[in-house]
Amino acid sequence: MDRRVISVLVGLGVLVALVVLAARTPARTSERAIPPAAWITLPQTLMDARDPESRRLLAGALTYDDADGQPHGDVYGTLAFRCGREDRQEDRRQPREVYIARMTESSLSLRPPPWRIELIPGGDTVRVRVVEAPFIAPSLPPASPPKRSEARISKASLEGIRQALSAPELWGPLPVDERICRDGPFTLLEACVDGRYFVSQRSCGYGAEQAARVLSLFRHQLPSPR
């Protein structure tokens, strides 16, 4: 066969290979770039902390210690501080998804006790941790560690909780004229998904009915602290 013909065929073969490779590469790249869907449906927009309301929420979220749920003021242990921070130690790296809820029927009463609920999805289960955690720091250190419970529960069993927590009225911005009750129910929600931090607060107005429904589901379906 003529050398020129061979050169043309080889050149065409290389061109076809490059075209095929170029066509396949973006598809594989886009597949890697799309993260799995989060367990809880959250707002698509990033949190904007420039406004006073967002800074107030962050200040409240940074008040609590993440290790035992007590208001010691250890900002380094809170989800608001840890979310999105890379840790070089493998055993200290954060899970892809963490959801924390601090909820009580009355912010001025300890009966029933306020709960801090931590949900960490993974595979087909969710690691659930519940701690009795007051919203107001005690004047003296507690005489004993707070009551707590921990369990792994299937996602199927928590589907009702997942749907309730995904309600838009729990995570969207509050109306401008929304007032905050100081003596009624209180809910502080936090989430960290793929390094993105979310925080929301509800009390007696917008979203309060849905928050009460979530707390009722928590009380009935999650293991009580002991």
C-alpha atoms as a PDB file:
ATOM      1  CA  MET A   1       0.000   0.000   0.000  1.00  0.00           C
ATOM      2  CA  ASP A   2       1.223   3.500  -0.806  1.00  0.00           C
ATOM      3  CA  ARG A   3       2.920   5.205   2.114  1.00  0.00           C
ATOM      4  CA  ARG A   4       0.814   8.304   1.617  1.00  0.00           C
ATOM      5  CA  VAL A   5      -2.364   6.258   1.878  1.00  0.00           C
ATOM      6  CA  ILE A   6      -1.062   4.595   5.052  1.00  0.00           C
ATOM      7  CA  SER A   7      -0.223   8.009   6.540  1.00  0.00           C
ATOM      8  CA  VAL A   8      -3.711   9.289   5.751  1.00  0.00           C
ATOM      9  CA  LEU A   9      -5.357   6.212   7.301  1.00  0.00           C
ATOM     10  CA  VAL A  10      -3.192   6.473  10.417  1.00  0.00           C
ATOM     11  CA  GLY A  11      -3.989  10.177  10.688  1.00  0.00           C
ATOM     12  CA  LEU A  12      -7.703   9.500  10.351  1.00  0.00           C
ATOM     13  CA  GLY A  13      -7.499   6.783  12.967  1.00  0.00           C
ATOM     14  CA  VAL A  14      -5.785   9.110  15.428  1.00  0.00           C
ATOM     15  CA  LEU A  15      -8.358  11.842  14.712  1.00  0.00           C
ATOM     16  CA  VAL A  16     -11.268   9.454  15.290  1.00  0.00           C
ATOM     17  CA  ALA A  17      -9.690   8.281  18.543  1.00  0.00           C
ATOM     18  CA  LEU A  18      -9.264  11.872  19.729  1.00  0.00           C
ATOM     19  CA  VAL A  19     -12.854  12.729  18.853  1.00  0.00           C
ATOM     20  CA  VAL A  20     -14.162   9.671  20.732  1.00  0.00           C
ATOM     21  CA  LEU A  21     -11.967  10.482  23.740  1.00  0.00           C
ATOM     22  CA  ALA A  22     -13.117  14.099  23.736  1.00  0.00           C
ATOM     23  CA  ALA A  23     -16.741  13.017  23.547  1.00  0.00           C
ATOM     24  CA  ARG A  24     -16.405  10.619  26.462  1.00  0.00           C
ATOM     25  CA  THR A  25     -14.316  12.767  28.794  1.00  0.00           C
ATOM     26  CA  PRO A  26     -16.918  15.493  29.528  1.00  0.00           C
ATOM     27  CA  ALA A  27     -19.527  12.857  30.323  1.00  0.00           C
ATOM     28  CA  ARG A  28     -17.282  11.204  32.897  1.00  0.00           C
ATOM     29  CA  THR A  29     -16.259  14.570  34.326  1.00  0.00           C
ATOM     30  CA  SER A  30     -19.855  15.732  34.686  1.00  0.00           C
ATOM     31  CA  GLU A  31     -20.783  12.499  36.424  1.00  0.00           C
ATOM     32  CA  ARG A  32     -18.044  13.064  38.991  1.00  0.00           C
ATOM     33  CA  ALA A  33     -19.069  16.686  39.464  1.00  0.00           C
ATOM     34  CA  ILE A  34     -22.703  15.919  40.336  1.00  0.00           C
ATOM     35  CA  PRO A  35     -22.929  15.015  44.053  1.00  0.00           C
ATOM     36  CA  PRO A  36     -25.583  12.613  45.308  1.00  0.00           C
ATOM     37  CA  ALA A  37     -28.838  14.188  46.396  1.00  0.00           C
ATOM     38  CA  ALA A  38     -28.942  15.268  50.038  1.00  0.00           C
ATOM     39  CA  TRP A  39     -31.134  13.290  52.423  1.00  0.00           C
ATOM     40  CA  ILE A  40     -32.976  16.463  53.490  1.00  0.00           C
ATOM     41  CA  THR A  41     -34.207  18.927  50.856  1.00  0.00           C
ATOM     42  CA  LEU A  42     -32.501  22.271  51.566  1.00  0.00           C
ATOM     43  CA  PRO A  43     -32.560  25.698  49.884  1.00  0.00           C
ATOM     44  CA  GLN A  44     -30.468  25.903  46.728  1.00  0.00           C
ATOM     45  CA  THR A  45     -29.014  29.303  47.574  1.00  0.00           C
ATOM     46  CA  LEU A  46     -25.993  29.715  49.827  1.00  0.00           C
ATOM     47  CA  MET A  47     -26.448  31.420  53.168  1.00  0.00           C
ATOM     48  CA  ASP A  48     -25.758  35.164  53.066  1.00  0.00           C
ATOM     49  CA  ALA A  49     -24.403  36.205  56.477  1.00  0.00           C
ATOM     50  CA  ARG A  50     -24.233  39.931  55.728  1.00  0.00           C
ATOM     51  CA  ASP A  51     -27.637  40.762  57.158  1.00  0.00           C
ATOM     52  CA  PRO A  52     -28.158  41.139  60.957  1.00  0.00           C
ATOM     53  CA  GLU A  53     -30.635  38.239  61.171  1.00  0.00           C
ATOM     54  CA  SER A  54     -28.147  35.754  59.725  1.00  0.00           C
ATOM     55  CA  ARG A  55     -25.416  36.953  62.063  1.00  0.00           C
ATOM     56  CA  ARG A  56     -27.767  36.590  65.021  1.00  0.00           C
ATOM     57  CA  LEU A  57     -28.552  33.023  64.004  1.00  0.00           C
ATOM     58  CA  LEU A  58     -24.854  32.241  63.623  1.00  0.00           C
ATOM     59  CA  ALA A  59     -24.131  33.694  67.058  1.00  0.00           C
ATOM     60  CA  GLY A  60     -26.771  31.390  68.530  1.00  0.00           C
ATOM     61  CA  ALA A  61     -25.439  28.373  66.663  1.00  0.00           C
ATOM     62  CA  LEU A  62     -21.899  29.131  67.845  1.00  0.00           C
ATOM     63  CA  THR A  63     -22.987  29.278  71.481  1.00  0.00           C
ATOM     64  CA  TYR A  64     -23.254  25.551  71.923  1.00  0.00           C
ATOM     65  CA  ASP A  65     -20.639  22.857  72.318  1.00  0.00           C
ATOM     66  CA  ASP A  66     -21.102  20.086  69.754  1.00  0.00           C
ATOM     67  CA  ALA A  67     -19.658  17.317  71.923  1.00  0.00           C
ATOM     68  CA  ASP A  68     -22.312  17.070  74.637  1.00  0.00           C
ATOM     69  CA  GLY A  69     -24.921  19.611  73.619  1.00  0.00           C
ATOM     70  CA  GLN A  70     -24.282  21.892  76.600  1.00  0.00           C
ATOM     71  CA  PRO A  71     -24.016  25.684  76.193  1.00  0.00           C
ATOM     72  CA  HIS A  72     -20.357  26.042  77.142  1.00  0.00           C
ATOM     73  CA  GLY A  73     -19.548  28.504  74.352  1.00  0.00           C
ATOM     74  CA  ASP A  74     -16.968  26.264  72.666  1.00  0.00           C
ATOM     75  CA  VAL A  75     -17.217  27.597  69.111  1.00  0.00           C
ATOM     76  CA  TYR A  76     -14.587  25.191  67.760  1.00  0.00           C
ATOM     77  CA  GLY A  77     -16.822  22.195  68.332  1.00  0.00           C
ATOM     78  CA  THR A  78     -19.939  23.624  66.713  1.00  0.00           C
ATOM     79  CA  LEU A  79     -21.224  22.675  63.294  1.00  0.00           C
ATOM     80  CA  ALA A  80     -21.197  26.336  62.241  1.00  0.00           C
ATOM     81  CA  PHE A  81     -17.428  26.390  62.763  1.00  0.00           C
ATOM     82  CA  ARG A  82     -16.588  22.899  61.484  1.00  0.00           C
ATOM     83  CA  CYS A  83     -18.685  22.850  58.304  1.00  0.00           C
ATOM     84  CA  GLY A  84     -16.519  23.115  55.215  1.00  0.00           C
ATOM     85  CA  ARG A  85     -13.222  22.976  57.104  1.00  0.00           C
ATOM     86  CA  GLU A  86     -10.780  20.344  55.871  1.00  0.00           C
ATOM     87  CA  ASP A  87      -9.082  18.207  58.494  1.00  0.00           C
ATOM     88  CA  ARG A  88      -5.903  16.392  57.569  1.00  0.00           C
ATOM     89  CA  GLN A  89      -6.546  13.631  60.085  1.00  0.00           C
ATOM     90  CA  GLU A  90      -8.604  10.894  58.439  1.00  0.00           C
ATOM     91  CA  ASP A  91     -10.457   9.948  61.637  1.00  0.00           C
ATOM     92  CA  ARG A  92     -11.566  13.571  62.208  1.00  0.00           C
ATOM     93  CA  ARG A  93     -12.941  14.325  58.774  1.00  0.00           C
ATOM     94  CA  GLN A  94     -16.535  15.429  58.710  1.00  0.00           C
ATOM     95  CA  PRO A  95     -19.319  13.294  57.221  1.00  0.00           C
ATOM     96  CA  ARG A  96     -20.794  14.490  53.945  1.00  0.00           C
ATOM     97  CA  GLU A  97     -24.118  15.292  55.629  1.00  0.00           C
ATOM     98  CA  VAL A  98     -24.876  16.370  59.193  1.00  0.00           C
ATOM     99  CA  TYR A  99     -28.210  17.686  60.449  1.00  0.00           C
ATOM    100  CA  ILE A 100     -28.729  19.105  63.952  1.00  0.00           C
ATOM    101  CA  ALA A 101     -32.000  20.193  65.543  1.00  0.00           C
ATOM    102  CA  ARG A 102     -32.391  21.911  68.911  1.00  0.00           C
ATOM    103  CA  MET A 103     -36.023  21.839  69.873  1.00  0.00           C
ATOM    104  CA  THR A 104     -38.301  22.380  72.836  1.00  0.00           C
ATOM    105  CA  GLU A 105     -42.013  22.890  73.449  1.00  0.00           C
ATOM    106  CA  SER A 106     -41.238  25.805  75.791  1.00  0.00           C
ATOM    107  CA  SER A 107     -37.985  27.746  76.025  1.00  0.00           C
ATOM    108  CA  LEU A 108     -38.688  28.595  79.704  1.00  0.00           C
ATOM    109  CA  SER A 109     -39.477  25.080  80.902  1.00  0.00           C
ATOM    110  CA  LEU A 110     -37.382  21.934  81.259  1.00  0.00           C
ATOM    111  CA  ARG A 111     -40.408  19.640  81.129  1.00  0.00           C
ATOM    112  CA  PRO A 112     -40.347  17.945  78.744  1.00  0.00           C
ATOM    113  CA  PRO A 113     -36.577  18.461  78.476  1.00  0.00           C
ATOM    114  CA  PRO A 114     -35.216  20.222  75.394  1.00  0.00           C
ATOM    115  CA  TRP A 115     -33.589  17.883  72.884  1.00  0.00           C
ATOM    116  CA  ARG A 116     -30.576  18.212  70.663  1.00  0.00           C
ATOM    117  CA  ILE A 117     -30.911  15.738  67.772  1.00  0.00           C
ATOM    118  CA  GLU A 118     -28.023  14.924  65.450  1.00  0.00           C
ATOM    119  CA  LEU A 119     -28.686  12.985  62.237  1.00  0.00           C
ATOM    120  CA  ILE A 120     -25.823  11.656  60.095  1.00  0.00           C
ATOM    121  CA  PRO A 121     -27.015   9.687  57.028  1.00  0.00           C
ATOM    122  CA  GLY A 122     -24.780   7.011  55.543  1.00  0.00           C
ATOM    123  CA  GLY A 123     -25.756   4.247  53.150  1.00  0.00           C
ATOM    124  CA  ASP A 124     -29.176   2.874  54.049  1.00  0.00           C
ATOM    125  CA  THR A 125     -29.073   4.028  57.667  1.00  0.00           C
ATOM    126  CA  VAL A 126     -28.901   7.200  59.733  1.00  0.00           C
ATOM    127  CA  ARG A 127     -26.811   7.581  62.871  1.00  0.00           C
ATOM    128  CA  VAL A 128     -29.098   9.230  65.409  1.00  0.00           C
ATOM    129  CA  ARG A 129     -27.862  10.914  68.560  1.00  0.00           C
ATOM    130  CA  VAL A 130     -30.237  12.535  71.057  1.00  0.00           C
ATOM    131  CA  VAL A 131     -29.057  14.597  74.051  1.00  0.00           C
ATOM    132  CA  GLU A 132     -31.013  16.446  76.704  1.00  0.00           C
ATOM    133  CA  ALA A 133     -29.575  19.921  76.129  1.00  0.00           C
ATOM    134  CA  PRO A 134     -30.886  23.094  77.834  1.00  0.00           C
ATOM    135  CA  PHE A 135     -30.970  26.317  75.863  1.00  0.00           C
ATOM    136  CA  ILE A 136     -29.838  28.419  78.838  1.00  0.00           C
ATOM    137  CA  ALA A 137     -26.460  27.823  80.466  1.00  0.00           C
ATOM    138  CA  PRO A 138     -26.809  26.641  84.092  1.00  0.00           C
ATOM    139  CA  SER A 139     -25.317  28.858  86.805  1.00  0.00           C
ATOM    140  CA  LEU A 140     -23.283  25.878  88.044  1.00  0.00           C
ATOM    141  CA  PRO A 141     -21.731  22.978  86.109  1.00  0.00           C
ATOM    142  CA  PRO A 142     -24.118  20.001  85.878  1.00  0.00           C
ATOM    143  CA  ALA A 143     -23.647  17.400  88.595  1.00  0.00           C
ATOM    144  CA  SER A 144     -23.755  14.575  86.053  1.00  0.00           C
ATOM    145  CA  PRO A 145     -23.348  14.196  82.284  1.00  0.00           C
ATOM    146  CA  PRO A 146     -26.485  14.909  80.258  1.00  0.00           C
ATOM    147  CA  LYS A 147     -28.726  12.013  79.351  1.00  0.00           C
ATOM    148  CA  ARG A 148     -28.217  10.743  75.824  1.00  0.00           C
ATOM    149  CA  SER A 149     -29.036   7.977  73.403  1.00  0.00           C
ATOM    150  CA  GLU A 150     -27.451   6.817  70.151  1.00  0.00           C
ATOM    151  CA  ALA A 151     -28.610   4.364  67.511  1.00  0.00           C
ATOM    152  CA  ARG A 152     -28.453   3.487  63.831  1.00  0.00           C
ATOM    153  CA  ILE A 153     -31.878   3.506  62.229  1.00  0.00           C
ATOM    154  CA  SER A 154     -32.827   2.601  58.671  1.00  0.00           C
ATOM    155  CA  LYS A 155     -33.677   5.456  56.346  1.00  0.00           C
ATOM    156  CA  ALA A 156     -36.934   3.710  55.501  1.00  0.00           C
ATOM    157  CA  SER A 157     -38.014   3.925  59.151  1.00  0.00           C
ATOM    158  CA  LEU A 158     -37.204   7.648  59.240  1.00  0.00           C
ATOM    159  CA  GLU A 159     -38.928   8.567  55.984  1.00  0.00           C
ATOM    160  CA  GLY A 160     -41.669  10.472  57.819  1.00  0.00           C
ATOM    161  CA  ILE A 161     -39.051  12.519  59.684  1.00  0.00           C
ATOM    162  CA  ARG A 162     -37.131  13.154  56.459  1.00  0.00           C
ATOM    163  CA  GLN A 163     -40.227  14.478  54.713  1.00  0.00           C
ATOM    164  CA  ALA A 164     -41.186  16.649  57.680  1.00  0.00           C
ATOM    165  CA  LEU A 165     -37.701  18.153  57.924  1.00  0.00           C
ATOM    166  CA  SER A 166     -37.681  18.885  54.188  1.00  0.00           C
ATOM    167  CA  ALA A 167     -40.662  21.256  54.435  1.00  0.00           C
ATOM    168  CA  PRO A 168     -39.726  24.615  52.822  1.00  0.00           C
ATOM    169  CA  GLU A 169     -41.267  26.622  55.683  1.00  0.00           C
ATOM    170  CA  LEU A 170     -38.596  25.267  58.044  1.00  0.00           C
ATOM    171  CA  TRP A 171     -35.628  26.501  56.006  1.00  0.00           C
ATOM    172  CA  GLY A 172     -36.822  29.526  54.062  1.00  0.00           C
ATOM    173  CA  PRO A 173     -36.288  33.115  55.287  1.00  0.00           C
ATOM    174  CA  LEU A 174     -38.672  34.474  57.892  1.00  0.00           C
ATOM    175  CA  PRO A 175     -41.146  37.196  56.904  1.00  0.00           C
ATOM    176  CA  VAL A 176     -39.797  40.691  57.570  1.00  0.00           C
ATOM    177  CA  ASP A 177     -42.394  41.407  60.269  1.00  0.00           C
ATOM    178  CA  GLU A 178     -42.026  38.015  61.977  1.00  0.00           C
ATOM    179  CA  ARG A 179     -41.791  38.265  65.753  1.00  0.00           C
ATOM    180  CA  ILE A 180     -39.885  35.774  67.887  1.00  0.00           C
ATOM    181  CA  CYS A 181     -41.543  34.324  70.996  1.00  0.00           C
ATOM    182  CA  ARG A 182     -39.334  34.318  74.068  1.00  0.00           C
ATOM    183  CA  ASP A 183     -41.527  32.019  76.136  1.00  0.00           C
ATOM    184  CA  GLY A 184     -42.958  29.590  73.590  1.00  0.00           C
ATOM    185  CA  PRO A 185     -41.648  26.724  71.467  1.00  0.00           C
ATOM    186  CA  PHE A 186     -38.181  27.113  70.025  1.00  0.00           C
ATOM    187  CA  THR A 187     -36.422  25.393  67.120  1.00  0.00           C
ATOM    188  CA  LEU A 188     -32.896  25.900  65.822  1.00  0.00           C
ATOM    189  CA  LEU A 189     -32.007  23.841  62.752  1.00  0.00           C
ATOM    190  CA  GLU A 190     -28.520  23.404  61.295  1.00  0.00           C
ATOM    191  CA  ALA A 191     -27.239  21.434  58.330  1.00  0.00           C
ATOM    192  CA  CYS A 192     -23.881  20.869  56.687  1.00  0.00           C
ATOM    193  CA  VAL A 193     -23.952  19.212  53.257  1.00  0.00           C
ATOM    194  CA  ASP A 194     -20.848  19.031  51.051  1.00  0.00           C
ATOM    195  CA  GLY A 195     -19.298  21.886  53.019  1.00  0.00           C
ATOM    196  CA  ARG A 196     -22.356  24.162  52.693  1.00  0.00           C
ATOM    197  CA  TYR A 197     -23.777  25.433  55.978  1.00  0.00           C
ATOM    198  CA  PHE A 198     -27.450  26.170  56.639  1.00  0.00           C
ATOM    199  CA  VAL A 199     -29.137  27.518  59.770  1.00  0.00           C
ATOM    200  CA  SER A 200     -32.752  28.370  60.525  1.00  0.00           C
ATOM    201  CA  GLN A 201     -34.786  29.377  63.571  1.00  0.00           C
ATOM    202  CA  ARG A 202     -38.496  29.040  64.215  1.00  0.00           C
ATOM    203  CA  SER A 203     -40.574  29.926  67.264  1.00  0.00           C
ATOM    204  CA  CYS A 204     -44.275  30.776  67.368  1.00  0.00           C
ATOM    205  CA  GLY A 205     -45.065  32.182  63.935  1.00  0.00           C
ATOM    206  CA  TYR A 206     -44.106  31.162  60.403  1.00  0.00           C
ATOM    207  CA  GLY A 207     -43.175  27.474  60.259  1.00  0.00           C
ATOM    208  CA  ALA A 208     -43.973  26.885  63.945  1.00  0.00           C
ATOM    209  CA  GLU A 209     -46.706  24.348  63.219  1.00  0.00           C
ATOM    210  CA  GLN A 210     -44.376  22.298  61.024  1.00  0.00           C
ATOM    211  CA  ALA A 211     -41.594  22.533  63.622  1.00  0.00           C
ATOM    212  CA  ALA A 212     -43.982  21.221  66.276  1.00  0.00           C
ATOM    213  CA  ARG A 213     -44.837  18.312  63.993  1.00  0.00           C
ATOM    214  CA  VAL A 214     -41.136  17.492  63.576  1.00  0.00           C
ATOM    215  CA  LEU A 215     -40.552  17.588  67.329  1.00  0.00           C
ATOM    216  CA  SER A 216     -43.540  15.304  67.899  1.00  0.00           C
ATOM    217  CA  LEU A 217     -42.093  12.805  65.404  1.00  0.00           C
ATOM    218  CA  PHE A 218     -38.725  12.986  67.162  1.00  0.00           C
ATOM    219  CA  ARG A 219     -40.300  12.353  70.560  1.00  0.00           C
ATOM    220  CA  HIS A 220     -42.270   9.338  69.345  1.00  0.00           C
ATOM    221  CA  GLN A 221     -39.833   7.690  66.923  1.00  0.00           C
ATOM    222  CA  LEU A 222     -36.333   8.321  68.282  1.00  0.00           C
ATOM    223  CA  PRO A 223     -34.824   6.602  71.336  1.00  0.00           C
ATOM    224  CA  SER A 224     -35.207   8.772  74.424  1.00  0.00           C
ATOM    225  CA  PRO A 225     -32.033   9.831  76.264  1.00  0.00           C
ATOM    226  CA  ARG A 226     -31.214   7.745  79.349  1.00  0.00           C
END
